[in-house]
Protein backbone atom coordinates (compact mmCIF):
# COMPACT_ATOMS: atom_id res chain seq x y z
CA MET A 1 109.63 112.54 123.89
CA ALA A 2 109.49 109.69 121.81
CA SER A 3 112.95 107.73 121.36
CA ASN A 4 111.07 106.12 118.14
CA LEU A 5 108.70 108.65 116.95
CA VAL A 6 107.38 106.31 113.98
CA SER A 7 107.25 103.14 116.34
CA TYR A 8 105.22 105.18 119.00
CA ILE A 9 102.57 106.19 115.92
CA ALA A 10 102.56 102.64 114.78
CA GLN A 11 101.87 101.41 117.87
CA MET A 12 98.79 103.10 118.66
CA LEU A 13 97.04 101.66 115.50
CA THR A 14 96.20 98.32 117.28
CA PRO A 15 95.33 95.52 114.98
CA ASP A 16 91.45 96.46 116.10
CA MET A 17 91.74 99.68 114.46
CA ILE A 18 93.66 98.29 111.38
CA ALA A 19 90.83 96.22 110.84
CA ARG A 20 88.56 99.06 111.42
CA ILE A 21 89.91 100.93 108.34
CA ALA A 22 90.43 97.72 106.53
CA SER A 23 86.57 97.43 106.52
CA ALA A 24 85.79 100.92 105.86
CA LEU A 25 88.45 100.76 102.80
CA GLY A 26 87.26 97.32 101.56
CA LEU A 27 90.55 96.01 101.81
CA ASP A 28 92.38 92.65 103.64
CA SER A 29 93.59 93.70 107.12
CA SER A 30 97.27 92.74 106.46
CA LYS A 31 97.47 94.73 103.07
CA VAL A 32 96.44 97.70 105.07
CA GLN A 33 98.83 96.87 107.85
CA GLY A 34 101.72 97.07 104.74
CA ALA A 35 100.29 100.18 103.61
CA VAL A 36 100.34 101.94 107.31
CA SER A 37 103.78 100.72 107.99
CA ALA A 38 104.49 102.88 104.74
CA ALA A 39 102.31 105.69 105.19
CA ILE A 40 103.62 106.53 108.79
CA PRO A 41 107.28 107.52 107.56
CA ALA A 42 106.27 108.53 104.31
CA VAL A 43 103.93 111.51 106.46
CA LEU A 44 106.88 112.21 108.87
CA ALA A 45 109.49 112.11 105.84
CA GLY A 46 107.24 114.77 104.02
CA LEU A 47 106.47 116.88 107.81
CA THR A 48 110.18 116.77 107.66
CA GLY A 49 110.55 118.25 104.67
CA VAL A 50 108.03 121.13 105.26
CA ALA A 51 109.27 122.21 108.19
CA ALA A 52 112.57 122.53 106.52
CA GLN A 53 110.94 125.39 104.51
CA PRO A 54 110.52 128.77 105.36
CA GLY A 55 107.02 128.72 107.81
CA GLY A 56 107.02 125.71 107.39
CA ALA A 57 107.46 124.36 110.99
CA GLN A 58 105.19 127.45 112.26
CA LYS A 59 102.53 125.54 109.88
CA ILE A 60 102.98 121.88 111.49
CA ALA A 61 103.05 123.49 114.96
CA ASP A 62 99.92 125.57 114.40
CA THR A 63 97.83 122.32 112.80
CA ALA A 64 99.53 120.02 115.63
CA SER A 65 98.47 122.11 118.32
CA GLN A 66 94.99 121.49 117.26
CA GLN A 67 95.51 117.79 117.41
CA GLY A 68 97.68 117.08 120.47
CA GLY A 69 95.30 117.70 123.31
CA SER A 70 92.15 115.61 121.18
CA LEU A 71 94.46 112.68 120.18
CA ASP A 72 92.34 110.11 122.51
CA SER A 73 89.03 111.34 121.09
CA LEU A 74 90.87 111.14 117.66
CA ILE A 75 91.70 107.30 118.40
CA GLY A 76 88.44 107.10 120.06
CA MET A 77 86.56 108.16 116.46
CA LEU A 78 88.46 105.39 114.91
CA GLN A 79 87.61 102.70 117.74
CA GLY A 80 84.20 103.81 117.23
CA GLY A 81 83.83 103.70 113.83
CA ASP A 82 83.59 107.54 112.72
CA GLN A 83 86.18 107.00 109.82
CA ALA A 84 84.60 109.10 107.81
CA THR A 85 84.91 112.31 110.58
CA LEU A 86 88.70 111.12 110.95
CA SER A 87 89.14 111.33 107.57
CA GLN A 88 87.40 114.71 106.63
CA ASN A 89 89.69 115.98 109.04
CA GLY A 90 92.45 114.85 107.84
CA SER A 91 91.62 115.85 104.66
CA GLN A 92 92.03 119.28 105.61
CA ILE A 93 95.49 118.56 107.46
CA ILE A 94 96.65 117.54 103.81
CA SER A 95 95.67 120.22 102.32
CA SER A 96 96.63 122.85 104.72
CA ILE A 97 100.07 121.45 105.35
CA PHE A 98 101.29 119.77 101.96
CA GLY A 99 98.70 121.44 99.66
CA ALA A 100 97.30 119.16 96.60
CA LYS A 101 100.12 118.45 94.64
CA ASP A 102 102.57 117.25 97.52
CA GLY A 103 99.67 115.38 98.97
CA SER A 104 98.56 113.49 95.96
CA ALA A 105 102.17 112.75 95.63
CA LEU A 106 102.04 111.43 99.35
CA ALA A 107 98.91 109.05 98.49
CA SER A 108 100.59 108.08 95.13
CA ALA A 109 103.34 106.47 96.88
CA ILE A 110 101.58 104.77 99.77
CA GLY A 111 99.05 103.27 96.74
CA GLY A 112 102.24 102.72 94.57
CA ILE A 113 104.34 100.38 97.31
CA SER A 114 100.84 98.74 98.94
CA GLY A 115 99.07 98.01 95.83
CA MET A 116 96.28 99.94 96.79
CA ASP A 117 94.02 101.77 93.96
CA PRO A 118 94.42 105.56 94.55
CA ARG A 119 90.85 106.34 96.06
CA ALA A 120 91.70 103.74 98.88
CA SER A 121 95.48 105.15 99.20
CA GLY A 122 93.99 108.82 99.50
CA SER A 123 91.59 107.71 102.53
CA LEU A 124 94.26 106.03 104.11
CA LEU A 125 96.42 108.84 104.08
CA ALA A 126 93.56 111.08 105.16
CA THR A 127 92.27 108.77 108.20
CA LEU A 128 96.22 108.59 109.41
CA ALA A 129 97.07 112.24 108.96
CA PRO A 130 95.60 113.35 112.14
CA LEU A 131 96.91 110.51 113.81
CA VAL A 132 100.23 111.34 112.56
CA LEU A 133 99.85 114.99 114.23
CA GLY A 134 98.31 113.72 117.19
CA GLY A 135 101.24 111.70 118.14
CA LEU A 136 103.55 114.64 117.14
CA ALA A 137 101.87 116.89 119.38
CA ARG A 138 101.95 114.42 122.37
CA GLN A 139 105.59 113.63 122.32
CA SER A 140 106.70 117.43 121.42
CA GLY A 141 106.96 117.71 125.55
CA GLY A 142 104.90 120.18 125.35
CA ASP A 143 106.56 122.36 123.28
CA LEU A 144 104.54 123.16 120.45
CA SER A 145 106.70 126.33 119.25
CA ALA A 146 107.82 126.04 115.22
CA ASN A 147 111.43 125.27 116.95
CA GLY A 148 109.89 122.55 119.61
CA ILE A 149 108.49 120.83 116.50
CA ALA A 150 111.47 121.28 113.62
CA GLY A 151 113.71 120.01 116.85
CA LEU A 152 111.47 117.04 117.21
CA LEU A 153 111.56 116.20 113.61
CA ALA A 154 114.90 116.57 113.32
CA SER A 155 115.82 114.28 115.99
CA GLN A 156 113.78 111.51 114.10
CA LYS A 157 115.18 111.75 111.00
CA ASP A 158 117.24 108.73 111.17
CA ASN A 159 114.70 106.47 112.39
CA ILE A 160 111.90 108.17 109.38
CA ALA A 161 114.48 107.32 106.90
CA ALA A 162 115.12 103.99 108.51
CA ALA A 163 111.68 102.97 108.40
CA LEU A 164 110.72 104.85 105.02
CA PRO A 165 110.57 102.05 102.44
CA SER A 166 112.82 102.01 99.29
CA GLY A 167 109.83 102.24 97.03
CA ALA A 168 108.99 105.82 98.58
CA ARG A 169 112.24 106.94 98.42
CA GLU A 170 111.86 106.78 94.58
CA LEU A 171 108.43 107.96 94.29
CA LEU A 172 109.01 110.83 96.21
CA GLY A 173 112.59 111.63 95.25
CA GLY A 174 111.21 114.28 93.05
CA THR A 175 109.01 115.92 95.20
CA GLY A 176 110.66 117.58 97.41
CA LEU A 177 109.40 116.25 100.22
CA LEU A 178 112.37 114.04 101.17
CA GLY A 179 114.44 117.38 101.37
CA GLY A 180 114.33 117.53 105.03
CA LEU A 181 115.92 113.96 105.70
CA GLY A 182 119.36 115.20 104.06
CA ALA A 183 121.86 112.40 104.23
CA SER A 184 119.77 110.09 106.22
CA ALA A 185 117.61 109.69 103.54
CA GLN A 186 120.68 108.19 101.61
CA SER A 187 121.96 106.18 104.37
CA ALA A 188 120.72 103.21 102.25
CA ALA A 189 122.80 104.12 99.04
CA ALA A 190 125.44 104.99 100.71
CA SER A 191 125.43 101.19 102.63
CA ALA A 192 125.16 100.14 98.79
CA SER A 193 128.08 101.90 97.74
CA GLN A 194 130.40 100.58 100.52
CA VAL A 195 128.97 97.05 99.69
CA ALA A 196 130.31 97.57 96.23
CA ARG A 197 133.66 98.99 97.55
CA ASP A 198 134.19 96.01 99.67
CA ALA A 199 133.62 93.43 97.11
CA ALA A 200 135.84 95.34 94.81
CA THR A 201 138.44 95.68 97.17
CA ALA A 202 138.08 91.45 98.30
CA ALA A 203 137.99 90.58 94.52
CA SER A 204 141.30 92.98 94.19
CA SER A 205 142.94 91.25 96.91
CA VAL A 206 142.11 87.85 95.61
CA GLY A 207 143.58 88.91 92.37
CA GLY A 208 146.44 90.11 93.91
CA ALA A 209 147.24 87.04 95.70
CA GLY A 210 146.34 84.66 92.66
CA GLN A 211 148.88 86.81 90.39
CA ARG A 212 151.84 86.67 93.04
CA ALA A 213 151.05 82.67 93.02
CA ALA A 214 151.11 82.42 89.43
CA GLU A 215 154.28 84.42 89.11
CA ALA A 216 155.89 82.47 91.70
CA ALA A 217 154.49 79.11 89.94
CA THR A 218 155.13 80.08 86.05
CA PRO A 219 157.82 81.28 84.03
CA SER A 220 158.18 84.59 83.24
CA GLY A 221 157.19 84.26 79.41
CA SER A 222 154.07 82.78 80.31
CA ARG A 223 152.85 85.07 82.75
CA ASN A 224 151.21 87.95 80.34
CA TRP A 225 148.05 85.27 79.60
CA LEU A 226 147.57 84.71 83.31
CA TYR A 227 147.52 87.82 84.25
CA TRP A 228 144.52 88.46 81.85
CA VAL A 229 142.79 85.15 82.90
CA ILE A 230 142.98 86.56 86.56
CA ALA A 231 141.77 89.77 86.11
CA VAL A 232 139.03 88.73 84.31
CA LEU A 233 137.97 86.09 86.96
CA ALA A 234 138.11 89.03 89.39
CA LEU A 235 135.84 91.21 87.61
CA ALA A 236 133.58 88.39 87.25
CA ALA A 237 133.57 87.79 90.55
CA VAL A 238 132.84 91.66 91.72
CA LEU A 239 130.18 91.52 88.78
CA PHE A 240 128.30 88.25 90.26
CA TYR A 241 128.62 89.58 94.10
CA LEU A 242 126.82 92.63 92.94
CA PHE A 243 124.48 91.82 90.51
CA GLY A 244 123.88 87.52 89.98
CA ARG A 245 122.17 87.14 93.17
CA PRO A 246 118.41 86.41 92.39
CA SER A 247 116.52 89.80 92.22
CA GLY A 248 114.21 88.52 94.61
CA GLU A 249 116.59 89.13 96.99
CA VAL A 250 115.98 90.94 100.34
CA ALA A 251 118.69 93.19 100.99
CA PRO A 252 119.07 94.20 104.36
CA GLN A 253 117.07 97.00 105.94
CA ALA A 254 118.69 100.18 107.60
CA GLY A 255 116.59 99.71 110.45
CA THR A 256 118.87 96.93 111.80
CA ALA A 257 121.94 98.74 111.36
CA GLY A 258 123.58 98.51 114.49
CA GLN A 259 121.69 95.90 116.41
CA SER A 260 122.41 92.51 116.89
CA LEU A 261 119.33 89.95 116.67
CA THR A 262 121.63 86.65 117.55
CA VAL A 263 119.79 84.92 120.54
CA GLY A 264 121.53 81.87 121.45
CA GLY A 265 124.24 81.85 118.91
CA VAL A 266 121.38 82.03 116.08
CA ASP A 267 121.01 85.02 114.27
CA ILE A 268 117.48 85.71 113.77
CA GLY A 269 117.60 88.97 111.34
CA ARG A 270 119.33 86.78 109.16
CA GLN A 271 117.02 83.66 109.28
CA VAL A 272 113.93 86.34 108.81
CA GLN A 273 116.20 88.23 105.66
CA ASP A 274 116.71 84.25 104.12
CA SER A 275 112.99 83.80 104.49
CA MET A 276 111.34 86.49 103.29
CA ALA A 277 113.59 86.46 100.36
CA SER A 278 113.03 82.61 99.50
CA LEU A 279 109.16 83.69 99.99
CA GLN A 280 109.37 86.61 97.60
CA THR A 281 110.99 84.42 95.02
CA THR A 282 108.86 81.00 95.93
CA LEU A 283 105.45 83.44 95.15
CA THR A 284 107.27 85.36 91.90
CA GLY A 285 106.96 81.68 90.45
CA VAL A 286 103.77 81.08 91.20
CA THR A 287 101.61 81.50 87.45
CA ASP A 288 99.08 78.61 87.61
CA ALA A 289 97.31 75.82 89.68
CA ALA A 290 100.65 73.57 88.76
CA SER A 291 103.14 76.01 90.05
CA ALA A 292 101.20 76.80 92.65
CA THR A 293 101.06 73.00 94.02
CA ALA A 294 104.93 72.82 93.03
CA ALA A 295 105.44 75.64 95.55
CA LEU A 296 103.14 75.01 98.18
CA PRO A 297 105.99 72.70 99.79
CA LYS A 298 108.56 75.63 99.89
CA LEU A 299 105.51 77.78 101.33
CA GLU A 300 105.41 75.16 104.69
CA GLU A 301 108.99 74.96 105.00
CA ILE A 302 109.43 78.73 105.27
CA SER A 303 106.26 78.79 107.45
CA ALA A 304 107.72 76.46 109.79
CA GLY A 305 111.15 78.37 109.78
CA LEU A 306 109.67 81.32 110.64
CA ASP A 307 107.50 79.44 113.76
CA LYS A 308 111.26 79.09 115.18
CA VAL A 309 111.83 82.39 114.72
CA THR A 310 108.65 83.54 116.56
CA GLY A 311 109.09 81.08 119.33
CA ALA A 312 113.07 83.16 119.73
CA THR A 313 111.33 86.47 120.00
CA GLY A 314 110.72 86.11 123.78
CA GLN A 315 114.53 86.52 124.50
CA LEU A 316 114.65 89.28 122.47
CA SER A 317 115.52 92.73 124.37
CA ALA A 318 112.25 96.05 123.20
CA GLU A 319 115.13 97.38 121.05
CA GLN A 320 116.06 93.64 119.16
CA LYS A 321 112.17 93.80 118.81
CA ALA A 322 111.85 96.97 117.27
CA ALA A 323 115.08 96.43 115.20
CA LEU A 324 113.49 93.22 113.85
CA SER A 325 110.37 94.99 113.49
CA ALA A 326 112.12 97.55 111.36
CA LEU A 327 113.60 94.39 109.06
CA VAL A 328 110.19 93.18 108.66
CA GLY A 329 107.74 96.30 108.05
CA PRO A 330 109.40 97.51 105.25
CA MET A 331 108.76 94.69 102.82
CA MET A 332 105.40 94.10 103.95
CA PRO A 333 103.78 96.25 101.20
CA THR A 334 105.78 93.71 98.33
CA LEU A 335 104.97 90.36 99.84
CA ASN A 336 101.00 91.48 100.66
CA GLY A 337 101.21 92.41 96.98
CA LEU A 338 102.64 89.29 96.02
CA PHE A 339 100.23 87.46 98.28
CA ASP A 340 97.11 88.77 96.78
CA LYS A 341 98.75 88.33 93.34
CA VAL A 342 98.93 84.76 93.71
CA LEU A 343 95.97 84.53 95.20
CA ALA A 344 93.73 85.98 92.02
CA ILE A 345 95.39 83.32 90.07
CA PRO A 346 92.75 80.98 89.16
CA GLY A 347 93.10 77.52 90.56
CA ALA A 348 95.85 78.73 92.66
CA SER A 349 94.08 80.19 95.74
CA ASP A 350 92.50 76.95 96.56
CA ILE A 351 95.98 75.54 97.10
CA VAL A 352 97.90 77.97 98.30
CA LYS A 353 95.28 79.88 100.59
CA PRO A 354 95.87 78.31 104.14
CA ALA A 355 99.41 78.14 103.55
CA ILE A 356 99.35 82.22 102.62
CA ASP A 357 97.15 82.77 105.45
CA ALA A 358 99.37 81.52 108.08
CA LEU A 359 102.28 83.24 106.49
CA LYS A 360 100.39 86.73 106.88
CA THR A 361 99.94 86.06 110.30
CA LYS A 362 103.07 85.37 111.34
CA LEU A 363 105.20 87.91 109.18
CA ALA A 364 102.35 90.68 110.60
CA SER A 365 103.68 89.58 114.18
CA LEU A 366 106.90 90.32 113.61
CA ALA A 367 106.29 93.56 111.82
CA THR A 368 104.73 94.83 114.93
């Protein structure tokens, strides 16, 4: 049984296969790679939700049993360019397991995250569905019973939730497809709440220390106004911590929880996070040729920083590399969308395209 089902299925899709899918969809490979990174956990989350419904696990097991023995042939279809047959098969799988409404919701969520139009996201979902079911069957350990499939999906809830982009959680939140993930789907929100509580506690401690210092240094008659000043400053500190950071800042991803990415005293995970946050902010600021020219040095600086990170990844363990991939992968659809937006601005493409192409390649290598 796979230690991480999401990673296992993602690793089946080689760069060559991604390129073939992109060619069939008429899209850039990096954009499709980002969409695939979102689609795999989204489909698995949907399957987990279906498995939690009465008769759902049996329905998945029946469908998966038809895919497991032919996983190699499914991959061969994609490698051989027979994507039409694979996609037709996938459409039937989606209709059978999810139904038209939830299948459409999945395709829309993938499109919303990756910036694909509904036709392209639907085609991508149909192409991936047989491979996801085939991978699920392959990793079931031969137990294709309803209980076996339900148990496998249940054991992978944390991995699926960690790989699921926050945008997908929002877009699928009202469908019931995420119900099978239970508390796992809420882990990111819980982490954010804990950060808020920690910030409030820290601010309270600072405020308390300030108050005690003020009491020691001032006459009792002048203390009242100081209490108000200290309270206001403490509240301002909490609000700034929670809301004052730039909107483009990338939050830590659940996929790296508990996994240190420090090599030789250097926190690679933090460097990558900072680079992606800076990249997102820089790209957002490009609106014309002039701003593209101004942004170019920063893009080149970020690219150079990623070079250093890439050079250090050879020292990472397999688990650390998986954690790094989980950190970068969920942000790729957002960044690829910004890349495409900037490259579509008249006059900007010629200025920043070489730098953006280099950044795409480096980030894609970190995400796999």
